[in-house]
Amino acid sequence: MSYLLDKIHSATIYKRPKEGSLEVVDIVGHWGIVVVNDSGSYLVHNMPDTGTTATSISNLSNNWTPVAQLQVGPNKTIQGMFNSTGLVAYLPEGFVKYVSQGFCTGATGSMATYLSQ
């Protein structure tokens, strides 16, 4: 899983409408950050069933739209993005982790701050 430790070259905040069971409470949408590193391009976002995760953008639906380009500080990694959500990053995958990381908006905010420092 070297992609977790590869230096991030660029990052963009993305948003899409909520899907599934939480769709009925779609007030703010679903947020994440697309990053590009030496291993490829990944969407890093917080999901109810896993908590914060990174997936290849080859799985990105057309519902995602770019919102803002981020300035990326030196030596930033996807693992660092995970860690930036706090000690809860070490909880097992699941809904408790998702909530503890601040849902998708809180996790995206924490990760954007980390990347920009």
PDB file of N, CA and C in Angstrom:
ATOM      1  N   MET A   1       0.815  -1.184   0.000  1.00  0.00           N
ATOM      2  CA  MET A   1       0.000   0.000   0.000  1.00  0.00           C
ATOM      3  C   MET A   1       0.863   1.254   0.000  1.00  0.00           C
ATOM      4  N   SER A   2       1.810   1.273  -0.926  1.00  0.00           N
ATOM      5  CA  SER A   2       2.705   2.431  -1.003  1.00  0.00           C
ATOM      6  C   SER A   2       1.961   3.712  -1.355  1.00  0.00           C
ATOM      7  N   TYR A   3       0.786   3.581  -1.984  1.00  0.00           N
ATOM      8  CA  TYR A   3       0.032   4.776  -2.356  1.00  0.00           C
ATOM      9  C   TYR A   3      -0.325   5.616  -1.131  1.00  0.00           C
ATOM     10  N   LEU A   4      -0.382   5.005   0.048  1.00  0.00           N
ATOM     11  CA  LEU A   4      -0.700   5.742   1.271  1.00  0.00           C
ATOM     12  C   LEU A   4       0.437   6.674   1.694  1.00  0.00           C
ATOM     13  N   LEU A   5       1.660   6.318   1.322  1.00  0.00           N
ATOM     14  CA  LEU A   5       2.830   7.075   1.774  1.00  0.00           C
ATOM     15  C   LEU A   5       3.497   7.906   0.692  1.00  0.00           C
ATOM     16  N   ASP A   6       3.008   7.798  -0.557  1.00  0.00           N
ATOM     17  CA  ASP A   6       3.559   8.604  -1.638  1.00  0.00           C
ATOM     18  C   ASP A   6       3.216  10.080  -1.434  1.00  0.00           C
ATOM     19  N   LYS A   7       4.155  10.941  -1.781  1.00  0.00           N
ATOM     20  CA  LYS A   7       3.954  12.389  -1.658  1.00  0.00           C
ATOM     21  C   LYS A   7       2.828  12.850  -2.593  1.00  0.00           C
ATOM     22  N   ILE A   8       1.921  13.655  -2.052  1.00  0.00           N
ATOM     23  CA  ILE A   8       0.807  14.202  -2.831  1.00  0.00           C
ATOM     24  C   ILE A   8       1.283  15.416  -3.624  1.00  0.00           C
ATOM     25  N   HIS A   9       0.957  15.431  -4.925  1.00  0.00           N
ATOM     26  CA  HIS A   9       1.358  16.527  -5.812  1.00  0.00           C
ATOM     27  C   HIS A   9       0.258  17.573  -5.976  1.00  0.00           C
ATOM     28  N   SER A  10      -1.006  17.133  -5.958  1.00  0.00           N
ATOM     29  CA  SER A  10      -2.112  18.082  -6.096  1.00  0.00           C
ATOM     30  C   SER A  10      -3.342  17.535  -5.387  1.00  0.00           C
ATOM     31  N   ALA A  11      -4.253  18.451  -5.037  1.00  0.00           N
ATOM     32  CA  ALA A  11      -5.473  18.059  -4.326  1.00  0.00           C
ATOM     33  C   ALA A  11      -6.601  19.020  -4.685  1.00  0.00           C
ATOM     34  N   THR A  12      -7.796  18.444  -4.876  1.00  0.00           N
ATOM     35  CA  THR A  12      -8.977  19.228  -5.213  1.00  0.00           C
ATOM     36  C   THR A  12     -10.158  18.727  -4.394  1.00  0.00           C
ATOM     37  N   ILE A  13     -10.873  19.635  -3.748  1.00  0.00           N
ATOM     38  CA  ILE A  13     -12.094  19.265  -3.027  1.00  0.00           C
ATOM     39  C   ILE A  13     -13.192  18.991  -4.054  1.00  0.00           C
ATOM     40  N   TYR A  14     -13.921  17.894  -3.836  1.00  0.00           N
ATOM     41  CA  TYR A  14     -15.040  17.506  -4.698  1.00  0.00           C
ATOM     42  C   TYR A  14     -16.301  17.342  -3.864  1.00  0.00           C
ATOM     43  N   LYS A  15     -17.450  17.436  -4.539  1.00  0.00           N
ATOM     44  CA  LYS A  15     -18.747  17.275  -3.887  1.00  0.00           C
ATOM     45  C   LYS A  15     -19.680  16.516  -4.824  1.00  0.00           C
ATOM     46  N   ARG A  16     -20.596  15.747  -4.231  1.00  0.00           N
ATOM     47  CA  ARG A  16     -21.668  15.099  -4.990  1.00  0.00           C
ATOM     48  C   ARG A  16     -22.899  15.017  -4.102  1.00  0.00           C
ATOM     49  N   PRO A  17     -24.083  14.798  -4.701  1.00  0.00           N
ATOM     50  CA  PRO A  17     -25.272  14.575  -3.873  1.00  0.00           C
ATOM     51  C   PRO A  17     -25.118  13.276  -3.075  1.00  0.00           C
ATOM     52  N   LYS A  18     -25.743  13.215  -1.916  1.00  0.00           N
ATOM     53  CA  LYS A  18     -25.725  11.984  -1.118  1.00  0.00           C
ATOM     54  C   LYS A  18     -26.463  10.888  -1.867  1.00  0.00           C
ATOM     55  N   GLU A  19     -26.088   9.631  -1.580  1.00  0.00           N
ATOM     56  CA  GLU A  19     -26.728   8.471  -2.192  1.00  0.00           C
ATOM     57  C   GLU A  19     -27.118   7.497  -1.099  1.00  0.00           C
ATOM     58  N   GLY A  20     -28.009   6.594  -1.406  1.00  0.00           N
ATOM     59  CA  GLY A  20     -28.375   5.535  -0.465  1.00  0.00           C
ATOM     60  C   GLY A  20     -29.301   6.023   0.621  1.00  0.00           C
ATOM     61  N   SER A  21     -29.192   5.401   1.808  1.00  0.00           N
ATOM     62  CA  SER A  21     -30.131   5.665   2.900  1.00  0.00           C
ATOM     63  C   SER A  21     -30.029   7.080   3.456  1.00  0.00           C
ATOM     64  N   LEU A  22     -28.875   7.712   3.324  1.00  0.00           N
ATOM     65  CA  LEU A  22     -28.717   9.076   3.849  1.00  0.00           C
ATOM     66  C   LEU A  22     -29.154  10.135   2.836  1.00  0.00           C
ATOM     67  N   GLU A  23     -29.588   9.690   1.650  1.00  0.00           N
ATOM     68  CA  GLU A  23     -30.004  10.610   0.600  1.00  0.00           C
ATOM     69  C   GLU A  23     -31.146  11.515   1.046  1.00  0.00           C
ATOM     70  N   VAL A  24     -32.014  11.007   1.917  1.00  0.00           N
ATOM     71  CA  VAL A  24     -33.171  11.794   2.357  1.00  0.00           C
ATOM     72  C   VAL A  24     -32.775  12.992   3.204  1.00  0.00           C
ATOM     73  N   VAL A  25     -31.566  12.988   3.752  1.00  0.00           N
ATOM     74  CA  VAL A  25     -31.099  14.120   4.556  1.00  0.00           C
ATOM     75  C   VAL A  25     -29.968  14.864   3.844  1.00  0.00           C
ATOM     76  N   ASP A  26     -30.034  14.908   2.518  1.00  0.00           N
ATOM     77  CA  ASP A  26     -28.984  15.555   1.739  1.00  0.00           C
ATOM     78  C   ASP A  26     -29.125  17.073   1.792  1.00  0.00           C
ATOM     79  N   ILE A  27     -28.602  17.653   2.850  1.00  0.00           N
ATOM     80  CA  ILE A  27     -28.635  19.104   3.005  1.00  0.00           C
ATOM     81  C   ILE A  27     -27.350  19.717   2.454  1.00  0.00           C
ATOM     82  N   VAL A  28     -26.240  19.067   2.701  1.00  0.00           N
ATOM     83  CA  VAL A  28     -24.950  19.621   2.305  1.00  0.00           C
ATOM     84  C   VAL A  28     -24.213  18.767   1.291  1.00  0.00           C
ATOM     85  N   GLY A  29     -24.758  17.627   0.878  1.00  0.00           N
ATOM     86  CA  GLY A  29     -24.083  16.770  -0.084  1.00  0.00           C
ATOM     87  C   GLY A  29     -23.023  15.910   0.564  1.00  0.00           C
ATOM     88  N   HIS A  30     -22.242  15.255  -0.270  1.00  0.00           N
ATOM     89  CA  HIS A  30     -21.149  14.391   0.191  1.00  0.00           C
ATOM     90  C   HIS A  30     -19.843  14.973  -0.331  1.00  0.00           C
ATOM     91  N   TRP A  31     -18.861  15.085   0.545  1.00  0.00           N
ATOM     92  CA  TRP A  31     -17.607  15.774   0.238  1.00  0.00           C
ATOM     93  C   TRP A  31     -16.414  14.837   0.307  1.00  0.00           C
ATOM     94  N   GLY A  32     -15.386  15.140  -0.469  1.00  0.00           N
ATOM     95  CA  GLY A  32     -14.137  14.392  -0.441  1.00  0.00           C
ATOM     96  C   GLY A  32     -13.057  15.188  -1.141  1.00  0.00           C
ATOM     97  N   ILE A  33     -11.860  14.625  -1.181  1.00  0.00           N
ATOM     98  CA  ILE A  33     -10.724  15.293  -1.817  1.00  0.00           C
ATOM     99  C   ILE A  33     -10.068  14.318  -2.783  1.00  0.00           C
ATOM    100  N   VAL A  34      -9.911  14.758  -4.032  1.00  0.00           N
ATOM    101  CA  VAL A  34      -9.170  13.974  -5.013  1.00  0.00           C
ATOM    102  C   VAL A  34      -7.715  14.419  -4.949  1.00  0.00           C
ATOM    103  N   VAL A  35      -6.832  13.446  -4.740  1.00  0.00           N
ATOM    104  CA  VAL A  35      -5.397  13.735  -4.669  1.00  0.00           C
ATOM    105  C   VAL A  35      -4.675  12.965  -5.772  1.00  0.00           C
ATOM    106  N   VAL A  36      -3.574  13.536  -6.221  1.00  0.00           N
ATOM    107  CA  VAL A  36      -2.709  12.884  -7.198  1.00  0.00           C
ATOM    108  C   VAL A  36      -1.350  12.702  -6.544  1.00  0.00           C
ATOM    109  N   ASN A  37      -0.865  11.455  -6.546  1.00  0.00           N
ATOM    110  CA  ASN A  37       0.473  11.174  -6.033  1.00  0.00           C
ATOM    111  C   ASN A  37       1.201  10.271  -7.028  1.00  0.00           C
ATOM    112  N   ASP A  38       2.371   9.778  -6.668  1.00  0.00           N
ATOM    113  CA  ASP A  38       3.166   8.966  -7.600  1.00  0.00           C
ATOM    114  C   ASP A  38       2.482   7.664  -8.004  1.00  0.00           C
ATOM    115  N   SER A  39       1.553   7.180  -7.197  1.00  0.00           N
ATOM    116  CA  SER A  39       0.862   5.924  -7.493  1.00  0.00           C
ATOM    117  C   SER A  39      -0.393   6.104  -8.332  1.00  0.00           C
ATOM    118  N   GLY A  40      -0.917   7.327  -8.417  1.00  0.00           N
ATOM    119  CA  GLY A  40      -2.129   7.556  -9.196  1.00  0.00           C
ATOM    120  C   GLY A  40      -2.988   8.654  -8.603  1.00  0.00           C
ATOM    121  N   SER A  41      -4.284   8.561  -8.881  1.00  0.00           N
ATOM    122  CA  SER A  41      -5.255   9.549  -8.404  1.00  0.00           C
ATOM    123  C   SER A  41      -6.293   8.847  -7.540  1.00  0.00           C
ATOM    124  N   TYR A  42      -6.598   9.443  -6.375  1.00  0.00           N
ATOM    125  CA  TYR A  42      -7.471   8.807  -5.392  1.00  0.00           C
ATOM    126  C   TYR A  42      -8.472   9.808  -4.830  1.00  0.00           C
ATOM    127  N   LEU A  43      -9.677   9.313  -4.582  1.00  0.00           N
ATOM    128  CA  LEU A  43     -10.669  10.074  -3.850  1.00  0.00           C
ATOM    129  C   LEU A  43     -10.562   9.662  -2.390  1.00  0.00           C
ATOM    130  N   VAL A  44     -10.305  10.625  -1.518  1.00  0.00           N
ATOM    131  CA  VAL A  44     -10.228  10.367  -0.084  1.00  0.00           C
ATOM    132  C   VAL A  44     -11.469  11.000   0.529  1.00  0.00           C
ATOM    133  N   HIS A  45     -12.331  10.152   1.117  1.00  0.00           N
ATOM    134  CA  HIS A  45     -13.589  10.642   1.671  1.00  0.00           C
ATOM    135  C   HIS A  45     -14.051   9.748   2.806  1.00  0.00           C
ATOM    136  N   ASN A  46     -15.000  10.250   3.571  1.00  0.00           N
ATOM    137  CA  ASN A  46     -15.492   9.568   4.769  1.00  0.00           C
ATOM    138  C   ASN A  46     -16.850   8.955   4.459  1.00  0.00           C
ATOM    139  N   MET A  47     -16.947   7.641   4.617  1.00  0.00           N
ATOM    140  CA  MET A  47     -18.164   6.895   4.298  1.00  0.00           C
ATOM    141  C   MET A  47     -18.744   6.244   5.557  1.00  0.00           C
ATOM    142  N   PRO A  48     -20.086   6.141   5.660  1.00  0.00           N
ATOM    143  CA  PRO A  48     -20.709   5.555   6.850  1.00  0.00           C
ATOM    144  C   PRO A  48     -20.280   4.124   7.148  1.00  0.00           C
ATOM    145  N   ASP A  49     -19.990   3.329   6.118  1.00  0.00           N
ATOM    146  CA  ASP A  49     -19.644   1.934   6.367  1.00  0.00           C
ATOM    147  C   ASP A  49     -18.166   1.705   6.649  1.00  0.00           C
ATOM    148  N   THR A  50     -17.306   2.703   6.363  1.00  0.00           N
ATOM    149  CA  THR A  50     -15.871   2.495   6.545  1.00  0.00           C
ATOM    150  C   THR A  50     -15.176   3.549   7.389  1.00  0.00           C
ATOM    151  N   GLY A  51     -15.676   4.761   7.400  1.00  0.00           N
ATOM    152  CA  GLY A  51     -14.900   5.885   7.896  1.00  0.00           C
ATOM    153  C   GLY A  51     -14.096   6.411   6.715  1.00  0.00           C
ATOM    154  N   THR A  52     -13.031   7.142   6.978  1.00  0.00           N
ATOM    155  CA  THR A  52     -12.252   7.733   5.897  1.00  0.00           C
ATOM    156  C   THR A  52     -11.500   6.654   5.129  1.00  0.00           C
ATOM    157  N   THR A  53     -11.602   6.738   3.807  1.00  0.00           N
ATOM    158  CA  THR A  53     -11.006   5.739   2.932  1.00  0.00           C
ATOM    159  C   THR A  53     -10.492   6.405   1.661  1.00  0.00           C
ATOM    160  N   ALA A  54      -9.609   5.725   0.952  1.00  0.00           N
ATOM    161  CA  ALA A  54      -9.104   6.207  -0.334  1.00  0.00           C
ATOM    162  C   ALA A  54      -9.450   5.180  -1.400  1.00  0.00           C
ATOM    163  N   THR A  55     -10.052   5.652  -2.490  1.00  0.00           N
ATOM    164  CA  THR A  55     -10.387   4.770  -3.604  1.00  0.00           C
ATOM    165  C   THR A  55      -9.884   5.387  -4.903  1.00  0.00           C
ATOM    166  N   SER A  56      -9.518   4.541  -5.826  1.00  0.00           N
ATOM    167  CA  SER A  56      -9.050   5.009  -7.122  1.00  0.00           C
ATOM    168  C   SER A  56     -10.135   5.841  -7.791  1.00  0.00           C
ATOM    169  N   ILE A  57      -9.742   6.911  -8.475  1.00  0.00           N
ATOM    170  CA  ILE A  57     -10.759   7.728  -9.134  1.00  0.00           C
ATOM    171  C   ILE A  57     -11.354   7.024 -10.345  1.00  0.00           C
ATOM    172  N   SER A  58     -10.818   5.872 -10.710  1.00  0.00           N
ATOM    173  CA  SER A  58     -11.442   5.113 -11.797  1.00  0.00           C
ATOM    174  C   SER A  58     -12.854   4.686 -11.391  1.00  0.00           C
ATOM    175  N   ASN A  59     -13.140   4.681 -10.086  1.00  0.00           N
ATOM    176  CA  ASN A  59     -14.467   4.338  -9.571  1.00  0.00           C
ATOM    177  C   ASN A  59     -15.349   5.566  -9.347  1.00  0.00           C
ATOM    178  N   LEU A  60     -14.860   6.748  -9.690  1.00  0.00           N
ATOM    179  CA  LEU A  60     -15.577   7.998  -9.432  1.00  0.00           C
ATOM    180  C   LEU A  60     -16.786   8.125 -10.363  1.00  0.00           C
ATOM    181  N   SER A  61     -17.950   8.344  -9.779  1.00  0.00           N
ATOM    182  CA  SER A  61     -19.160   8.533 -10.592  1.00  0.00           C
ATOM    183  C   SER A  61     -19.149   9.930 -11.206  1.00  0.00           C
ATOM    184  N   ASN A  62     -19.991  10.122 -12.192  1.00  0.00           N
ATOM    185  CA  ASN A  62     -20.106  11.425 -12.846  1.00  0.00           C
ATOM    186  C   ASN A  62     -20.797  12.466 -11.973  1.00  0.00           C
ATOM    187  N   ASN A  63     -21.326  12.037 -10.817  1.00  0.00           N
ATOM    188  CA  ASN A  63     -22.007  12.966  -9.912  1.00  0.00           C
ATOM    189  C   ASN A  63     -21.042  13.864  -9.137  1.00  0.00           C
ATOM    190  N   TRP A  64     -19.759  13.498  -9.095  1.00  0.00           N
ATOM    191  CA  TRP A  64     -18.766  14.296  -8.383  1.00  0.00           C
ATOM    192  C   TRP A  64     -18.378  15.503  -9.219  1.00  0.00           C
ATOM    193  N   THR A  65     -18.314  16.681  -8.582  1.00  0.00           N
ATOM    194  CA  THR A  65     -17.882  17.889  -9.275  1.00  0.00           C
ATOM    195  C   THR A  65     -16.804  18.590  -8.451  1.00  0.00           C
ATOM    196  N   PRO A  66     -15.800  19.166  -9.121  1.00  0.00           N
ATOM    197  CA  PRO A  66     -14.754  19.884  -8.395  1.00  0.00           C
ATOM    198  C   PRO A  66     -15.293  21.164  -7.777  1.00  0.00           C
ATOM    199  N   VAL A  67     -14.806  21.477  -6.577  1.00  0.00           N
ATOM    200  CA  VAL A  67     -15.246  22.674  -5.862  1.00  0.00           C
ATOM    201  C   VAL A  67     -14.105  23.671  -5.701  1.00  0.00           C
ATOM    202  N   ALA A  68     -12.949  23.188  -5.239  1.00  0.00           N
ATOM    203  CA  ALA A  68     -11.830  24.096  -4.988  1.00  0.00           C
ATOM    204  C   ALA A  68     -10.502  23.348  -5.053  1.00  0.00           C
ATOM    205  N   GLN A  69      -9.537  23.960  -5.723  1.00  0.00           N
ATOM    206  CA  GLN A  69      -8.177  23.440  -5.767  1.00  0.00           C
ATOM    207  C   GLN A  69      -7.482  23.824  -4.462  1.00  0.00           C
ATOM    208  N   LEU A  70      -6.724  22.904  -3.881  1.00  0.00           N
ATOM    209  CA  LEU A  70      -5.993  23.173  -2.639  1.00  0.00           C
ATOM    210  C   LEU A  70      -4.507  23.345  -2.915  1.00  0.00           C
ATOM    211  N   GLN A  71      -3.872  24.221  -2.178  1.00  0.00           N
ATOM    212  CA  GLN A  71      -2.419  24.299  -2.169  1.00  0.00           C
ATOM    213  C   GLN A  71      -1.936  23.165  -1.276  1.00  0.00           C
ATOM    214  N   VAL A  72      -0.984  22.388  -1.749  1.00  0.00           N
ATOM    215  CA  VAL A  72      -0.498  21.242  -0.972  1.00  0.00           C
ATOM    216  C   VAL A  72       0.878  21.568  -0.410  1.00  0.00           C
ATOM    217  N   GLY A  73       0.990  21.465   0.917  1.00  0.00           N
ATOM    218  CA  GLY A  73       2.263  21.689   1.583  1.00  0.00           C
ATOM    219  C   GLY A  73       3.245  20.559   1.308  1.00  0.00           C
ATOM    220  N   PRO A  74       4.456  20.698   1.793  1.00  0.00           N
ATOM    221  CA  PRO A  74       5.485  19.685   1.527  1.00  0.00           C
ATOM    222  C   PRO A  74       5.221  18.374   2.272  1.00  0.00           C
ATOM    223  N   ASN A  75       5.566  17.284   1.614  1.00  0.00           N
ATOM    224  CA  ASN A  75       5.568  15.938   2.203  1.00  0.00           C
ATOM    225  C   ASN A  75       4.217  15.488   2.743  1.00  0.00           C
ATOM    226  N   LYS A  76       3.151  15.847   2.069  1.00  0.00           N
ATOM    227  CA  LYS A  76       1.814  15.416   2.489  1.00  0.00           C
ATOM    228  C   LYS A  76       1.496  14.066   1.845  1.00  0.00           C
ATOM    229  N   THR A  77       0.808  13.188   2.607  1.00  0.00           N
ATOM    230  CA  THR A  77       0.486  11.841   2.147  1.00  0.00           C
ATOM    231  C   THR A  77      -0.975  11.515   2.456  1.00  0.00           C
ATOM    232  N   ILE A  78      -1.486  10.468   1.818  1.00  0.00           N
ATOM    233  CA  ILE A  78      -2.836  10.011   2.131  1.00  0.00           C
ATOM    234  C   ILE A  78      -2.889   9.507   3.572  1.00  0.00           C
ATOM    235  N   GLN A  79      -1.858   8.806   4.029  1.00  0.00           N
ATOM    236  CA  GLN A  79      -1.838   8.358   5.419  1.00  0.00           C
ATOM    237  C   GLN A  79      -1.914   9.546   6.367  1.00  0.00           C
ATOM    238  N   GLY A  80      -1.216  10.620   6.038  1.00  0.00           N
ATOM    239  CA  GLY A  80      -1.294  11.841   6.838  1.00  0.00           C
ATOM    240  C   GLY A  80      -2.691  12.436   6.834  1.00  0.00           C
ATOM    241  N   MET A  81      -3.377  12.333   5.691  1.00  0.00           N
ATOM    242  CA  MET A  81      -4.766  12.807   5.617  1.00  0.00           C
ATOM    243  C   MET A  81      -5.635  12.002   6.578  1.00  0.00           C
ATOM    244  N   PHE A  82      -5.484  10.685   6.564  1.00  0.00           N
ATOM    245  CA  PHE A  82      -6.239   9.838   7.500  1.00  0.00           C
ATOM    246  C   PHE A  82      -5.968  10.275   8.934  1.00  0.00           C
ATOM    247  N   ASN A  83      -4.688  10.421   9.278  1.00  0.00           N
ATOM    248  CA  ASN A  83      -4.292  10.770  10.644  1.00  0.00           C
ATOM    249  C   ASN A  83      -4.804  12.145  11.069  1.00  0.00           C
ATOM    250  N   SER A  84      -5.003  13.039  10.101  1.00  0.00           N
ATOM    251  CA  SER A  84      -5.442  14.401  10.419  1.00  0.00           C
ATOM    252  C   SER A  84      -6.863  14.441  10.973  1.00  0.00           C
ATOM    253  N   THR A  85      -7.613  13.349  10.834  1.00  0.00           N
ATOM    254  CA  THR A  85      -8.981  13.317  11.358  1.00  0.00           C
ATOM    255  C   THR A  85      -9.000  13.016  12.849  1.00  0.00           C
ATOM    256  N   GLY A  86      -7.829  12.843  13.461  1.00  0.00           N
ATOM    257  CA  GLY A  86      -7.729  12.644  14.896  1.00  0.00           C
ATOM    258  C   GLY A  86      -7.490  11.188  15.281  1.00  0.00           C
ATOM    259  N   LEU A  87      -7.442  10.940  16.570  1.00  0.00           N
ATOM    260  CA  LEU A  87      -7.188   9.585  17.065  1.00  0.00           C
ATOM    261  C   LEU A  87      -8.241   8.590  16.612  1.00  0.00           C
ATOM    262  N   VAL A  88      -9.420   9.081  16.255  1.00  0.00           N
ATOM    263  CA  VAL A  88     -10.477   8.186  15.777  1.00  0.00           C
ATOM    264  C   VAL A  88     -10.087   7.515  14.467  1.00  0.00           C
ATOM    265  N   ALA A  89      -9.058   8.008  13.788  1.00  0.00           N
ATOM    266  CA  ALA A  89      -8.586   7.377  12.556  1.00  0.00           C
ATOM    267  C   ALA A  89      -8.155   5.936  12.823  1.00  0.00           C
ATOM    268  N   TYR A  90      -7.854   5.627  14.070  1.00  0.00           N
ATOM    269  CA  TYR A  90      -7.386   4.290  14.418  1.00  0.00           C
ATOM    270  C   TYR A  90      -8.503   3.361  14.876  1.00  0.00           C
ATOM    271  N   LEU A  91      -9.734   3.855  14.895  1.00  0.00           N
ATOM    272  CA  LEU A  91     -10.878   3.000  15.220  1.00  0.00           C
ATOM    273  C   LEU A  91     -11.112   2.000  14.090  1.00  0.00           C
ATOM    274  N   PRO A  92     -11.764   0.877  14.392  1.00  0.00           N
ATOM    275  CA  PRO A  92     -12.127  -0.054  13.311  1.00  0.00           C
ATOM    276  C   PRO A  92     -13.098   0.620  12.340  1.00  0.00           C
ATOM    277  N   GLU A  93     -13.117   0.132  11.092  1.00  0.00           N
ATOM    278  CA  GLU A  93     -14.029   0.691  10.099  1.00  0.00           C
ATOM    279  C   GLU A  93     -15.471   0.566  10.566  1.00  0.00           C
ATOM    280  N   GLY A  94     -16.277   1.571  10.229  1.00  0.00           N
ATOM    281  CA  GLY A  94     -17.693   1.487  10.545  1.00  0.00           C
ATOM    282  C   GLY A  94     -18.320   2.836  10.839  1.00  0.00           C
ATOM    283  N   PHE A  95     -19.603   2.803  11.185  1.00  0.00           N
ATOM    284  CA  PHE A  95     -20.397   4.006  11.382  1.00  0.00           C
ATOM    285  C   PHE A  95     -19.881   4.868  12.529  1.00  0.00           C
ATOM    286  N   VAL A  96     -19.424   4.252  13.619  1.00  0.00           N
ATOM    287  CA  VAL A  96     -18.899   5.018  14.755  1.00  0.00           C
ATOM    288  C   VAL A  96     -17.695   5.851  14.313  1.00  0.00           C
ATOM    289  N   LYS A  97     -16.842   5.254  13.501  1.00  0.00           N
ATOM    290  CA  LYS A  97     -15.678   5.972  12.980  1.00  0.00           C
ATOM    291  C   LYS A  97     -16.128   7.135  12.087  1.00  0.00           C
ATOM    292  N   TYR A  98     -17.104   6.890  11.226  1.00  0.00           N
ATOM    293  CA  TYR A  98     -17.640   7.918  10.330  1.00  0.00           C
ATOM    294  C   TYR A  98     -18.136   9.120  11.120  1.00  0.00           C
ATOM    295  N   VAL A  99     -18.937   8.867  12.136  1.00  0.00           N
ATOM    296  CA  VAL A  99     -19.491   9.942  12.965  1.00  0.00           C
ATOM    297  C   VAL A  99     -18.380  10.641  13.744  1.00  0.00           C
ATOM    298  N   SER A 100     -17.476   9.856  14.334  1.00  0.00           N
ATOM    299  CA  SER A 100     -16.398  10.418  15.149  1.00  0.00           C
ATOM    300  C   SER A 100     -15.442  11.284  14.340  1.00  0.00           C
ATOM    301  N   GLN A 101     -15.328  11.005  13.040  1.00  0.00           N
ATOM    302  CA  GLN A 101     -14.456  11.808  12.182  1.00  0.00           C
ATOM    303  C   GLN A 101     -15.165  13.058  11.653  1.00  0.00           C
ATOM    304  N   GLY A 102     -16.400  13.284  12.105  1.00  0.00           N
ATOM    305  CA  GLY A 102     -17.113  14.499  11.724  1.00  0.00           C
ATOM    306  C   GLY A 102     -17.898  14.372  10.445  1.00  0.00           C
ATOM    307  N   PHE A 103     -18.385  13.150  10.170  1.00  0.00           N
ATOM    308  CA  PHE A 103     -19.116  12.902   8.929  1.00  0.00           C
ATOM    309  C   PHE A 103     -18.202  13.245   7.753  1.00  0.00           C
ATOM    310  N   CYS A 104     -18.743  13.420   6.576  1.00  0.00           N
ATOM    311  CA  CYS A 104     -17.881  13.709   5.425  1.00  0.00           C
ATOM    312  C   CYS A 104     -17.370  15.145   5.453  1.00  0.00           C
ATOM    313  N   THR A 105     -18.177  16.072   5.955  1.00  0.00           N
ATOM    314  CA  THR A 105     -17.774  17.481   5.955  1.00  0.00           C
ATOM    315  C   THR A 105     -16.632  17.744   6.933  1.00  0.00           C
ATOM    316  N   GLY A 106     -16.738  17.193   8.131  1.00  0.00           N
ATOM    317  CA  GLY A 106     -15.685  17.390   9.127  1.00  0.00           C
ATOM    318  C   GLY A 106     -14.377  16.750   8.713  1.00  0.00           C
ATOM    319  N   ALA A 107     -14.456  15.525   8.190  1.00  0.00           N
ATOM    320  CA  ALA A 107     -13.243  14.834   7.747  1.00  0.00           C
ATOM    321  C   ALA A 107     -12.591  15.589   6.585  1.00  0.00           C
ATOM    322  N   THR A 108     -13.397  16.054   5.638  1.00  0.00           N
ATOM    323  CA  THR A 108     -12.848  16.798   4.505  1.00  0.00           C
ATOM    324  C   THR A 108     -12.189  18.093   4.981  1.00  0.00           C
ATOM    325  N   GLY A 109     -12.807  18.776   5.927  1.00  0.00           N
ATOM    326  CA  GLY A 109     -12.217  19.991   6.476  1.00  0.00           C
ATOM    327  C   GLY A 109     -10.891  19.740   7.163  1.00  0.00           C
ATOM    328  N   SER A 110     -10.827  18.682   7.975  1.00  0.00           N
ATOM    329  CA  SER A 110      -9.575  18.326   8.660  1.00  0.00           C
ATOM    330  C   SER A 110      -8.478  17.985   7.655  1.00  0.00           C
ATOM    331  N   MET A 111      -8.848  17.213   6.634  1.00  0.00           N
ATOM    332  CA  MET A 111      -7.858  16.809   5.635  1.00  0.00           C
ATOM    333  C   MET A 111      -7.400  17.994   4.788  1.00  0.00           C
ATOM    334  N   ALA A 112      -8.309  18.909   4.463  1.00  0.00           N
ATOM    335  CA  ALA A 112      -7.928  20.100   3.684  1.00  0.00           C
ATOM    336  C   ALA A 112      -6.969  20.975   4.481  1.00  0.00           C
ATOM    337  N   THR A 113      -7.222  21.120   5.771  1.00  0.00           N
ATOM    338  CA  THR A 113      -6.317  21.896   6.627  1.00  0.00           C
ATOM    339  C   THR A 113      -4.945  21.247   6.670  1.00  0.00           C
ATOM    340  N   TYR A 114      -4.905  19.935   6.855  1.00  0.00           N
ATOM    341  CA  TYR A 114      -3.627  19.199   6.859  1.00  0.00           C
ATOM    342  C   TYR A 114      -2.854  19.439   5.555  1.00  0.00           C
ATOM    343  N   LEU A 115      -3.532  19.279   4.435  1.00  0.00           N
ATOM    344  CA  LEU A 115      -2.860  19.422   3.140  1.00  0.00           C
ATOM    345  C   LEU A 115      -2.294  20.816   2.936  1.00  0.00           C
ATOM    346  N   SER A 116      -2.989  21.817   3.432  1.00  0.00           N
ATOM    347  CA  SER A 116      -2.598  23.212   3.193  1.00  0.00           C
ATOM    348  C   SER A 116      -1.470  23.686   4.106  1.00  0.00           C
ATOM    349  N   GLN A 117      -1.164  22.952   5.145  1.00  0.00           N
ATOM    350  CA  GLN A 117      -0.132  23.395   6.106  1.00  0.00           C
ATOM    351  C   GLN A 117       1.261  23.112   5.592  1.00  0.00           C
TER     352      GLN A 117
END
